[in-house]
PDB file of all heavy atoms in Angstrom:
ATOM      1  N   LEU A   1       0.834  -1.202  -0.029  1.00  0.00           N
ATOM      2  CA  LEU A   1      -0.019  -0.020  -0.010  1.00  0.00           C
ATOM      3  C   LEU A   1       0.912   1.214  -0.001  1.00  0.00           C
ATOM      4  O   LEU A   1       1.862   1.284   0.782  1.00  0.00           O
ATOM      5  CB  LEU A   1      -0.872   0.050   1.225  1.00  0.00           C
ATOM      6  CG  LEU A   1      -1.593   1.264   1.593  1.00  0.00           C
ATOM      7  CD1 LEU A   1      -2.787   1.578   0.588  1.00  0.00           C
ATOM      8  CD2 LEU A   1      -2.070   1.290   3.030  1.00  0.00           C
ATOM      9  N   THR A   2       0.563   2.178  -0.864  1.00  0.00           N
ATOM     10  CA  THR A   2       1.251   3.532  -0.812  1.00  0.00           C
ATOM     11  C   THR A   2       0.247   4.589  -0.524  1.00  0.00           C
ATOM     12  O   THR A   2      -0.836   4.668  -1.074  1.00  0.00           O
ATOM     13  CB  THR A   2       1.901   3.802  -2.213  1.00  0.00           C
ATOM     14  OG1 THR A   2       2.916   2.906  -2.390  1.00  0.00           O
ATOM     15  CG2 THR A   2       2.501   5.186  -2.153  1.00  0.00           C
ATOM     16  N   LEU A   3       0.573   5.379   0.488  1.00  0.00           N
ATOM     17  CA  LEU A   3      -0.229   6.576   0.942  1.00  0.00           C
ATOM     18  C   LEU A   3       0.494   7.781   0.411  1.00  0.00           C
ATOM     19  O   LEU A   3       1.561   8.123   0.781  1.00  0.00           O
ATOM     20  CB  LEU A   3      -0.391   6.592   2.407  1.00  0.00           C
ATOM     21  CG  LEU A   3      -1.133   5.415   3.073  1.00  0.00           C
ATOM     22  CD1 LEU A   3      -0.949   5.410   4.584  1.00  0.00           C
ATOM     23  CD2 LEU A   3      -2.537   5.395   2.666  1.00  0.00           C
ATOM     24  N   SER A   4      -0.220   8.483  -0.490  1.00  0.00           N
ATOM     25  CA  SER A   4       0.406   9.637  -1.205  1.00  0.00           C
ATOM     26  C   SER A   4      -0.575  10.807  -1.021  1.00  0.00           C
ATOM     27  O   SER A   4      -1.495  10.822  -0.193  1.00  0.00           O
ATOM     28  CB  SER A   4       0.682   9.323  -2.653  1.00  0.00           C
ATOM     29  OG  SER A   4       1.453  10.341  -3.187  1.00  0.00           O
ATOM     30  N   GLY A   5      -0.480  11.840  -1.847  1.00  0.00           N
ATOM     31  CA  GLY A   5      -1.421  12.977  -1.630  1.00  0.00           C
ATOM     32  C   GLY A   5      -1.237  14.031  -2.675  1.00  0.00           C
ATOM     33  O   GLY A   5      -0.756  13.743  -3.794  1.00  0.00           O
ATOM     34  N   GLY A   6      -1.709  15.213  -2.139  1.00  0.00           N
ATOM     35  CA  GLY A   6      -1.903  15.529  -0.708  1.00  0.00           C
ATOM     36  C   GLY A   6      -0.861  15.088   0.279  1.00  0.00           C
ATOM     37  O   GLY A   6       0.210  14.651  -0.131  1.00  0.00           O
ATOM     38  N   ASP A   7      -1.209  15.251   1.494  1.00  0.00           N
ATOM     39  CA  ASP A   7      -0.271  14.670   2.552  1.00  0.00           C
ATOM     40  C   ASP A   7      -1.021  13.823   3.531  1.00  0.00           C
ATOM     41  O   ASP A   7      -1.913  14.308   4.280  1.00  0.00           O
ATOM     42  CB  ASP A   7       0.389  15.880   3.312  1.00  0.00           C
ATOM     43  CG  ASP A   7       1.602  15.384   4.082  1.00  0.00           C
ATOM     44  OD1 ASP A   7       1.500  14.382   4.868  1.00  0.00           O
ATOM     45  OD2 ASP A   7       2.667  16.045   3.888  1.00  0.00           O
ATOM     46  N   PRO A   8      -0.717  12.569   3.572  1.00  0.00           N
ATOM     47  CA  PRO A   8      -1.443  11.604   4.498  1.00  0.00           C
ATOM     48  C   PRO A   8      -1.331  12.008   5.948  1.00  0.00           C
ATOM     49  O   PRO A   8      -2.300  11.627   6.687  1.00  0.00           O
ATOM     50  CB  PRO A   8      -0.756  10.314   4.195  1.00  0.00           C
ATOM     51  CG  PRO A   8      -0.116  10.408   2.889  1.00  0.00           C
ATOM     52  CD  PRO A   8       0.275  11.879   2.685  1.00  0.00           C
ATOM     53  N   PHE A   9      -0.369  12.685   6.350  1.00  0.00           N
ATOM     54  CA  PHE A   9      -0.262  13.073   7.782  1.00  0.00           C
ATOM     55  C   PHE A   9      -1.220  14.139   8.165  1.00  0.00           C
ATOM     56  O   PHE A   9      -1.385  14.404   9.398  1.00  0.00           O
ATOM     57  CB  PHE A   9       1.229  13.465   8.111  1.00  0.00           C
ATOM     58  CG  PHE A   9       2.179  12.321   8.177  1.00  0.00           C
ATOM     59  CD1 PHE A   9       2.741  11.927   7.126  1.00  0.00           C
ATOM     60  CD2 PHE A   9       2.298  11.726   9.434  1.00  0.00           C
ATOM     61  CE1 PHE A   9       3.613  10.777   7.149  1.00  0.00           C
ATOM     62  CE2 PHE A   9       3.172  10.600   9.493  1.00  0.00           C
ATOM     63  CZ  PHE A   9       3.828  10.123   8.399  1.00  0.00           C
ATOM     64  N   LEU A  10      -2.066  14.740   7.241  1.00  0.00           N
ATOM     65  CA  LEU A  10      -3.129  15.530   7.708  1.00  0.00           C
ATOM     66  C   LEU A  10      -4.330  14.752   8.118  1.00  0.00           C
ATOM     67  O   LEU A  10      -5.192  15.252   8.844  1.00  0.00           O
ATOM     68  CB  LEU A  10      -3.582  16.432   6.429  1.00  0.00           C
ATOM     69  CG  LEU A  10      -2.719  17.607   6.057  1.00  0.00           C
ATOM     70  CD1 LEU A  10      -3.384  18.392   4.935  1.00  0.00           C
ATOM     71  CD2 LEU A  10      -2.525  18.532   7.310  1.00  0.00           C
ATOM     72  N   GLN A  11      -4.402  13.525   7.819  1.00  0.00           N
ATOM     73  CA  GLN A  11      -5.438  12.560   8.259  1.00  0.00           C
ATOM     74  C   GLN A  11      -4.747  11.315   8.888  1.00  0.00           C
ATOM     75  O   GLN A  11      -5.006  10.190   8.446  1.00  0.00           O
ATOM     76  CB  GLN A  11      -6.302  12.174   7.122  1.00  0.00           C
ATOM     77  CG  GLN A  11      -6.982  13.369   6.357  1.00  0.00           C
ATOM     78  CD  GLN A  11      -7.755  12.960   5.178  1.00  0.00           C
ATOM     79  OE1 GLN A  11      -8.926  12.566   5.287  1.00  0.00           O
ATOM     80  NE2 GLN A  11      -7.236  13.093   3.973  1.00  0.00           N
ATOM     81  N   ALA A  12      -3.914  11.542   9.784  1.00  0.00           N
ATOM     82  CA  ALA A  12      -2.967  10.568  10.274  1.00  0.00           C
ATOM     83  C   ALA A  12      -3.624   9.426  10.900  1.00  0.00           C
ATOM     84  O   ALA A  12      -3.269   8.194  10.668  1.00  0.00           O
ATOM     85  CB  ALA A  12      -1.914  11.160  11.178  1.00  0.00           C
ATOM     86  N   ALA A  13      -4.732   9.647  11.730  1.00  0.00           N
ATOM     87  CA  ALA A  13      -5.314   8.546  12.504  1.00  0.00           C
ATOM     88  C   ALA A  13      -6.004   7.598  11.470  1.00  0.00           C
ATOM     89  O   ALA A  13      -5.801   6.347  11.629  1.00  0.00           O
ATOM     90  CB  ALA A  13      -6.406   9.103  13.428  1.00  0.00           C
ATOM     91  N   GLU A  14      -6.737   8.126  10.541  1.00  0.00           N
ATOM     92  CA  GLU A  14      -7.353   7.194   9.513  1.00  0.00           C
ATOM     93  C   GLU A  14      -6.347   6.529   8.657  1.00  0.00           C
ATOM     94  O   GLU A  14      -6.494   5.355   8.290  1.00  0.00           O
ATOM     95  CB  GLU A  14      -8.390   8.081   8.644  1.00  0.00           C
ATOM     96  CG  GLU A  14      -9.523   8.574   9.400  1.00  0.00           C
ATOM     97  CD  GLU A  14      -9.164   9.738  10.320  1.00  0.00           C
ATOM     98  OE1 GLU A  14      -8.135  10.391  10.118  1.00  0.00           O
ATOM     99  OE2 GLU A  14     -10.035  10.129  11.143  1.00  0.00           O
ATOM    100  N   CYS A  15      -5.315   7.263   8.231  1.00  0.00           N
ATOM    101  CA  CYS A  15      -4.306   6.667   7.411  1.00  0.00           C
ATOM    102  C   CYS A  15      -3.526   5.530   8.186  1.00  0.00           C
ATOM    103  O   CYS A  15      -3.074   4.552   7.608  1.00  0.00           O
ATOM    104  CB  CYS A  15      -3.274   7.676   6.775  1.00  0.00           C
ATOM    105  SG  CYS A  15      -4.027   8.662   5.498  1.00  0.00           S
ATOM    106  N   ALA A  16      -3.313   5.834   9.454  1.00  0.00           N
ATOM    107  CA  ALA A  16      -2.600   4.759  10.244  1.00  0.00           C
ATOM    108  C   ALA A  16      -3.403   3.483  10.290  1.00  0.00           C
ATOM    109  O   ALA A  16      -2.812   2.394  10.337  1.00  0.00           O
ATOM    110  CB  ALA A  16      -2.287   5.376  11.659  1.00  0.00           C
ATOM    111  N   ALA A  17      -4.723   3.681  10.460  1.00  0.00           N
ATOM    112  CA  ALA A  17      -5.591   2.465  10.524  1.00  0.00           C
ATOM    113  C   ALA A  17      -5.535   1.698   9.189  1.00  0.00           C
ATOM    114  O   ALA A  17      -5.536   0.445   9.230  1.00  0.00           O
ATOM    115  CB  ALA A  17      -7.031   2.912  10.882  1.00  0.00           C
ATOM    116  N   LEU A  18      -5.565   2.389   8.090  1.00  0.00           N
ATOM    117  CA  LEU A  18      -5.420   1.751   6.818  1.00  0.00           C
ATOM    118  C   LEU A  18      -4.193   1.054   6.632  1.00  0.00           C
ATOM    119  O   LEU A  18      -4.016  -0.064   6.077  1.00  0.00           O
ATOM    120  CB  LEU A  18      -5.767   2.866   5.685  1.00  0.00           C
ATOM    121  CG  LEU A  18      -5.629   2.309   4.270  1.00  0.00           C
ATOM    122  CD1 LEU A  18      -6.670   1.214   3.961  1.00  0.00           C
ATOM    123  CD2 LEU A  18      -5.885   3.501   3.304  1.00  0.00           C
ATOM    124  N   ALA A  19      -3.094   1.735   7.042  1.00  0.00           N
ATOM    125  CA  ALA A  19      -1.741   1.235   6.902  1.00  0.00           C
ATOM    126  C   ALA A  19      -1.690  -0.104   7.728  1.00  0.00           C
ATOM    127  O   ALA A  19      -1.045  -1.097   7.336  1.00  0.00           O
ATOM    128  CB  ALA A  19      -0.688   2.243   7.352  1.00  0.00           C
ATOM    129  N   GLN A  20      -2.151  -0.021   8.940  1.00  0.00           N
ATOM    130  CA  GLN A  20      -2.120  -1.232   9.819  1.00  0.00           C
ATOM    131  C   GLN A  20      -2.897  -2.337   9.188  1.00  0.00           C
ATOM    132  O   GLN A  20      -2.496  -3.559   9.312  1.00  0.00           O
ATOM    133  CB  GLN A  20      -2.615  -0.884  11.194  1.00  0.00           C
ATOM    134  CG  GLN A  20      -2.359  -2.004  12.191  1.00  0.00           C
ATOM    135  CD  GLN A  20      -0.835  -2.348  12.298  1.00  0.00           C
ATOM    136  OE1 GLN A  20      -0.056  -1.447  12.455  1.00  0.00           O
ATOM    137  NE2 GLN A  20      -0.540  -3.617  12.227  1.00  0.00           N
ATOM    138  N   ALA A  21      -4.014  -2.076   8.566  1.00  0.00           N
ATOM    139  CA  ALA A  21      -4.833  -3.068   7.882  1.00  0.00           C
ATOM    140  C   ALA A  21      -4.017  -3.759   6.815  1.00  0.00           C
ATOM    141  O   ALA A  21      -4.068  -4.948   6.628  1.00  0.00           O
ATOM    142  CB  ALA A  21      -6.139  -2.485   7.297  1.00  0.00           C
ATOM    143  N   ALA A  22      -3.237  -2.964   6.068  1.00  0.00           N
ATOM    144  CA  ALA A  22      -2.378  -3.436   5.014  1.00  0.00           C
ATOM    145  C   ALA A  22      -1.291  -4.401   5.556  1.00  0.00           C
ATOM    146  O   ALA A  22      -1.013  -5.499   5.103  1.00  0.00           O
ATOM    147  CB  ALA A  22      -1.745  -2.366   4.216  1.00  0.00           C
ATOM    148  N   ARG A  23      -0.680  -3.942   6.667  1.00  0.00           N
ATOM    149  CA  ARG A  23       0.349  -4.742   7.252  1.00  0.00           C
ATOM    150  C   ARG A  23      -0.175  -6.053   7.873  1.00  0.00           C
ATOM    151  O   ARG A  23       0.529  -7.101   7.812  1.00  0.00           O
ATOM    152  CB  ARG A  23       1.154  -3.923   8.363  1.00  0.00           C
ATOM    153  CG  ARG A  23       1.886  -2.681   7.737  1.00  0.00           C
ATOM    154  CD  ARG A  23       2.683  -1.993   8.797  1.00  0.00           C
ATOM    155  NE  ARG A  23       3.916  -2.814   9.007  1.00  0.00           N
ATOM    156  CZ  ARG A  23       4.763  -2.475  10.041  1.00  0.00           C
ATOM    157  NH1 ARG A  23       4.425  -1.542  10.891  1.00  0.00           N
ATOM    158  NH2 ARG A  23       5.845  -3.216  10.226  1.00  0.00           N
ATOM    159  N   ASP A  24      -1.390  -6.038   8.373  1.00  0.00           N
ATOM    160  CA  ASP A  24      -1.984  -7.180   8.903  1.00  0.00           C
ATOM    161  C   ASP A  24      -2.227  -8.226   7.832  1.00  0.00           C
ATOM    162  O   ASP A  24      -2.375  -9.397   8.120  1.00  0.00           O
ATOM    163  CB  ASP A  24      -3.366  -6.807   9.568  1.00  0.00           C
ATOM    164  CG  ASP A  24      -3.215  -6.107  10.860  1.00  0.00           C
ATOM    165  OD1 ASP A  24      -2.072  -6.132  11.418  1.00  0.00           O
ATOM    166  OD2 ASP A  24      -4.213  -5.485  11.309  1.00  0.00           O
ATOM    167  N   ARG A  25      -2.199  -7.720   6.595  1.00  0.00           N
ATOM    168  CA  ARG A  25      -2.475  -8.682   5.401  1.00  0.00           C
ATOM    169  C   ARG A  25      -1.146  -9.027   4.793  1.00  0.00           C
ATOM    170  O   ARG A  25      -1.174  -9.581   3.686  1.00  0.00           O
ATOM    171  CB  ARG A  25      -3.392  -7.998   4.432  1.00  0.00           C
ATOM    172  CG  ARG A  25      -4.869  -7.959   4.958  1.00  0.00           C
ATOM    173  CD  ARG A  25      -5.680  -6.869   4.272  1.00  0.00           C
ATOM    174  NE  ARG A  25      -7.130  -6.958   4.567  1.00  0.00           N
ATOM    175  CZ  ARG A  25      -7.634  -6.609   5.747  1.00  0.00           C
ATOM    176  NH1 ARG A  25      -6.852  -6.106   6.653  1.00  0.00           N
ATOM    177  NH2 ARG A  25      -8.838  -6.749   5.973  1.00  0.00           N
ATOM    178  N   GLY A  26      -0.030  -8.699   5.406  1.00  0.00           N
ATOM    179  CA  GLY A  26       1.250  -9.080   4.859  1.00  0.00           C
ATOM    180  C   GLY A  26       1.797  -8.180   3.889  1.00  0.00           C
ATOM    181  O   GLY A  26       2.764  -8.532   3.097  1.00  0.00           O
ATOM    182  N   LEU A  27       1.208  -6.914   3.731  1.00  0.00           N
ATOM    183  CA  LEU A  27       1.727  -6.037   2.735  1.00  0.00           C
ATOM    184  C   LEU A  27       2.551  -4.956   3.292  1.00  0.00           C
ATOM    185  O   LEU A  27       2.495  -4.700   4.566  1.00  0.00           O
ATOM    186  CB  LEU A  27       0.480  -5.215   2.043  1.00  0.00           C
ATOM    187  CG  LEU A  27      -0.593  -6.178   1.501  1.00  0.00           C
ATOM    188  CD1 LEU A  27      -1.795  -5.315   1.004  1.00  0.00           C
ATOM    189  CD2 LEU A  27      -0.060  -6.901   0.246  1.00  0.00           C
ATOM    190  N   ASP A  28       3.505  -4.374   2.531  1.00  0.00           N
ATOM    191  CA  ASP A  28       4.339  -3.367   3.034  1.00  0.00           C
ATOM    192  C   ASP A  28       3.696  -2.027   2.783  1.00  0.00           C
ATOM    193  O   ASP A  28       2.827  -1.881   1.984  1.00  0.00           O
ATOM    194  CB  ASP A  28       5.788  -3.363   2.551  1.00  0.00           C
ATOM    195  CG  ASP A  28       5.796  -3.219   0.946  1.00  0.00           C
ATOM    196  OD1 ASP A  28       5.419  -2.034   0.520  1.00  0.00           O
ATOM    197  OD2 ASP A  28       6.153  -4.099   0.216  1.00  0.00           O
ATOM    198  N   VAL A  29       4.126  -1.001   3.500  1.00  0.00           N
ATOM    199  CA  VAL A  29       3.462   0.354   3.533  1.00  0.00           C
ATOM    200  C   VAL A  29       4.470   1.340   3.207  1.00  0.00           C
ATOM    201  O   VAL A  29       5.458   1.452   3.978  1.00  0.00           O
ATOM    202  CB  VAL A  29       2.686   0.650   4.773  1.00  0.00           C
ATOM    203  CG1 VAL A  29       2.098   2.061   4.729  1.00  0.00           C
ATOM    204  CG2 VAL A  29       1.599  -0.393   5.027  1.00  0.00           C
ATOM    205  N   TRP A  30       4.250   2.197   2.198  1.00  0.00           N
ATOM    206  CA  TRP A  30       5.047   3.405   1.853  1.00  0.00           C
ATOM    207  C   TRP A  30       4.173   4.643   2.128  1.00  0.00           C
ATOM    208  O   TRP A  30       3.042   4.645   1.608  1.00  0.00           O
ATOM    209  CB  TRP A  30       5.585   3.369   0.460  1.00  0.00           C
ATOM    210  CG  TRP A  30       6.741   2.410   0.211  1.00  0.00           C
ATOM    211  CD1 TRP A  30       6.855   1.145   0.613  1.00  0.00           C
ATOM    212  CD2 TRP A  30       7.895   2.750  -0.514  1.00  0.00           C
ATOM    213  NE1 TRP A  30       8.015   0.612   0.245  1.00  0.00           N
ATOM    214  CE2 TRP A  30       8.692   1.526  -0.547  1.00  0.00           C
ATOM    215  CE3 TRP A  30       8.313   3.871  -1.191  1.00  0.00           C
ATOM    216  CZ2 TRP A  30       9.956   1.509  -1.140  1.00  0.00           C
ATOM    217  CZ3 TRP A  30       9.598   3.792  -1.877  1.00  0.00           C
ATOM    218  CH2 TRP A  30      10.386   2.619  -1.833  1.00  0.00           C
ATOM    219  N   THR A  31       4.739   5.685   2.700  1.00  0.00           N
ATOM    220  CA  THR A  31       3.993   6.911   2.933  1.00  0.00           C
ATOM    221  C   THR A  31       4.786   8.062   2.529  1.00  0.00           C
ATOM    222  O   THR A  31       5.923   8.216   2.873  1.00  0.00           O
ATOM    223  CB  THR A  31       3.587   7.029   4.453  1.00  0.00           C
ATOM    224  OG1 THR A  31       2.886   5.824   4.866  1.00  0.00           O
ATOM    225  CG2 THR A  31       2.750   8.290   4.711  1.00  0.00           C
ATOM    226  N   TYR A  32       4.160   8.883   1.727  1.00  0.00           N
ATOM    227  CA  TYR A  32       4.767  10.174   1.238  1.00  0.00           C
ATOM    228  C   TYR A  32       4.318  11.325   2.030  1.00  0.00           C
ATOM    229  O   TYR A  32       3.196  11.417   2.480  1.00  0.00           O
ATOM    230  CB  TYR A  32       4.402  10.411  -0.201  1.00  0.00           C
ATOM    231  CG  TYR A  32       5.095   9.564  -1.250  1.00  0.00           C
ATOM    232  CD1 TYR A  32       4.699   8.210  -1.378  1.00  0.00           C
ATOM    233  CD2 TYR A  32       6.049  10.090  -2.050  1.00  0.00           C
ATOM    234  CE1 TYR A  32       5.361   7.427  -2.334  1.00  0.00           C
ATOM    235  CE2 TYR A  32       6.675   9.255  -3.034  1.00  0.00           C
ATOM    236  CZ  TYR A  32       6.345   7.957  -3.087  1.00  0.00           C
ATOM    237  OH  TYR A  32       6.926   7.149  -4.130  1.00  0.00           O
ATOM    238  N   THR A  33       5.244  12.311   2.286  1.00  0.00           N
ATOM    239  CA  THR A  33       4.931  13.480   3.079  1.00  0.00           C
ATOM    240  C   THR A  33       5.799  14.641   2.725  1.00  0.00           C
ATOM    241  O   THR A  33       6.998  14.427   2.358  1.00  0.00           O
ATOM    242  CB  THR A  33       4.990  13.204   4.675  1.00  0.00           C
ATOM    243  OG1 THR A  33       4.685  14.411   5.307  1.00  0.00           O
ATOM    244  CG2 THR A  33       6.406  12.840   5.027  1.00  0.00           C
ATOM    245  N   GLY A  34       5.301  15.800   2.804  1.00  0.00           N
ATOM    246  CA  GLY A  34       6.110  17.034   2.572  1.00  0.00           C
ATOM    247  C   GLY A  34       6.883  17.429   3.803  1.00  0.00           C
ATOM    248  O   GLY A  34       7.783  18.305   3.770  1.00  0.00           O
ATOM    249  N   TRP A  35       6.485  16.843   4.980  1.00  0.00           N
ATOM    250  CA  TRP A  35       7.291  17.110   6.197  1.00  0.00           C
ATOM    251  C   TRP A  35       8.521  16.230   6.192  1.00  0.00           C
ATOM    252  O   TRP A  35       8.553  15.209   5.530  1.00  0.00           O
ATOM    253  CB  TRP A  35       6.522  16.892   7.405  1.00  0.00           C
ATOM    254  CG  TRP A  35       5.558  17.992   7.815  1.00  0.00           C
ATOM    255  CD1 TRP A  35       5.817  19.219   8.204  1.00  0.00           C
ATOM    256  CD2 TRP A  35       4.116  17.913   7.611  1.00  0.00           C
ATOM    257  NE1 TRP A  35       4.640  19.994   8.368  1.00  0.00           N
ATOM    258  CE2 TRP A  35       3.561  19.122   8.033  1.00  0.00           C
ATOM    259  CE3 TRP A  35       3.166  16.835   7.228  1.00  0.00           C
ATOM    260  CZ2 TRP A  35       2.245  19.406   8.115  1.00  0.00           C
ATOM    261  CZ3 TRP A  35       1.802  17.198   7.309  1.00  0.00           C
ATOM    262  CH2 TRP A  35       1.300  18.448   7.647  1.00  0.00           C
ATOM    263  N   THR A  36       9.563  16.654   6.923  1.00  0.00           N
ATOM    264  CA  THR A  36      10.688  15.748   7.084  1.00  0.00           C
ATOM    265  C   THR A  36      10.437  14.778   8.241  1.00  0.00           C
ATOM    266  O   THR A  36       9.589  15.030   9.094  1.00  0.00           O
ATOM    267  CB  THR A  36      11.978  16.475   7.439  1.00  0.00           C
ATOM    268  OG1 THR A  36      11.827  17.140   8.663  1.00  0.00           O
ATOM    269  CG2 THR A  36      12.269  17.515   6.238  1.00  0.00           C
ATOM    270  N   TYR A  37      11.130  13.726   8.260  1.00  0.00           N
ATOM    271  CA  TYR A  37      10.968  12.658   9.383  1.00  0.00           C
ATOM    272  C   TYR A  37      11.298  13.409  10.645  1.00  0.00           C
ATOM    273  O   TYR A  37      10.547  13.183  11.706  1.00  0.00           O
ATOM    274  CB  TYR A  37      11.925  11.633   9.044  1.00  0.00           C
ATOM    275  CG  TYR A  37      12.107  10.512  10.060  1.00  0.00           C
ATOM    276  CD1 TYR A  37      10.958   9.840  10.552  1.00  0.00           C
ATOM    277  CD2 TYR A  37      13.338  10.148  10.631  1.00  0.00           C
ATOM    278  CE1 TYR A  37      11.121   8.874  11.485  1.00  0.00           C
ATOM    279  CE2 TYR A  37      13.433   9.166  11.541  1.00  0.00           C
ATOM    280  CZ  TYR A  37      12.298   8.496  12.005  1.00  0.00           C
ATOM    281  OH  TYR A  37      12.439   7.489  12.945  1.00  0.00           O
ATOM    282  N   GLU A  38      12.300  14.274  10.705  1.00  0.00           N
ATOM    283  CA  GLU A  38      12.694  14.848  11.954  1.00  0.00           C
ATOM    284  C   GLU A  38      11.597  15.777  12.526  1.00  0.00           C
ATOM    285  O   GLU A  38      11.343  15.918  13.698  1.00  0.00           O
ATOM    286  CB  GLU A  38      13.952  15.666  11.756  1.00  0.00           C
ATOM    287  CG  GLU A  38      15.198  14.783  11.607  1.00  0.00           C
ATOM    288  CD  GLU A  38      15.451  14.291  10.175  1.00  0.00           C
ATOM    289  OE1 GLU A  38      14.535  14.656   9.266  1.00  0.00           O
ATOM    290  OE2 GLU A  38      16.248  13.514   9.894  1.00  0.00           O
ATOM    291  N   GLN A  39      10.852  16.512  11.530  1.00  0.00           N
ATOM    292  CA  GLN A  39       9.878  17.356  11.945  1.00  0.00           C
ATOM    293  C   GLN A  39       8.702  16.602  12.546  1.00  0.00           C
ATOM    294  O   GLN A  39       8.124  17.067  13.585  1.00  0.00           O
ATOM    295  CB  GLN A  39       9.362  18.195  10.760  1.00  0.00           C
ATOM    296  CG  GLN A  39      10.288  19.330  10.262  1.00  0.00           C
ATOM    297  CD  GLN A  39       9.784  19.875   8.986  1.00  0.00           C
ATOM    298  OE1 GLN A  39       9.252  19.266   8.077  1.00  0.00           O
ATOM    299  NE2 GLN A  39      10.060  21.250   8.798  1.00  0.00           N
ATOM    300  N   LEU A  40       8.338  15.443  11.963  1.00  0.00           N
ATOM    301  CA  LEU A  40       7.195  14.642  12.469  1.00  0.00           C
ATOM    302  C   LEU A  40       7.541  14.133  13.873  1.00  0.00           C
ATOM    303  O   LEU A  40       6.742  14.054  14.809  1.00  0.00           O
ATOM    304  CB  LEU A  40       6.955  13.488  11.456  1.00  0.00           C
ATOM    305  CG  LEU A  40       6.381  13.914  10.185  1.00  0.00           C
ATOM    306  CD1 LEU A  40       6.312  12.789   9.233  1.00  0.00           C
ATOM    307  CD2 LEU A  40       4.940  14.493  10.328  1.00  0.00           C
ATOM    308  N   LEU A  41       8.769  13.703  14.008  1.00  0.00           N
ATOM    309  CA  LEU A  41       9.230  13.151  15.361  1.00  0.00           C
ATOM    310  C   LEU A  41       9.219  14.279  16.411  1.00  0.00           C
ATOM    311  O   LEU A  41       8.729  14.086  17.498  1.00  0.00           O
ATOM    312  CB  LEU A  41      10.641  12.533  15.339  1.00  0.00           C
ATOM    313  CG  LEU A  41      10.769  11.185  14.582  1.00  0.00           C
ATOM    314  CD1 LEU A  41      12.243  10.742  14.780  1.00  0.00           C
ATOM    315  CD2 LEU A  41       9.779  10.191  15.261  1.00  0.00           C
TER     316      LEU A  41
END
């Protein structure tokens, strides 16, 4: 599953639930964002 946009982190709770559903099915998850990793942390 790839979450792109837009920016998925604007709807983080819902996107996290979708991402976890993908991982529960054995799929990997890629997420695109305009923020840096350090900013999100």
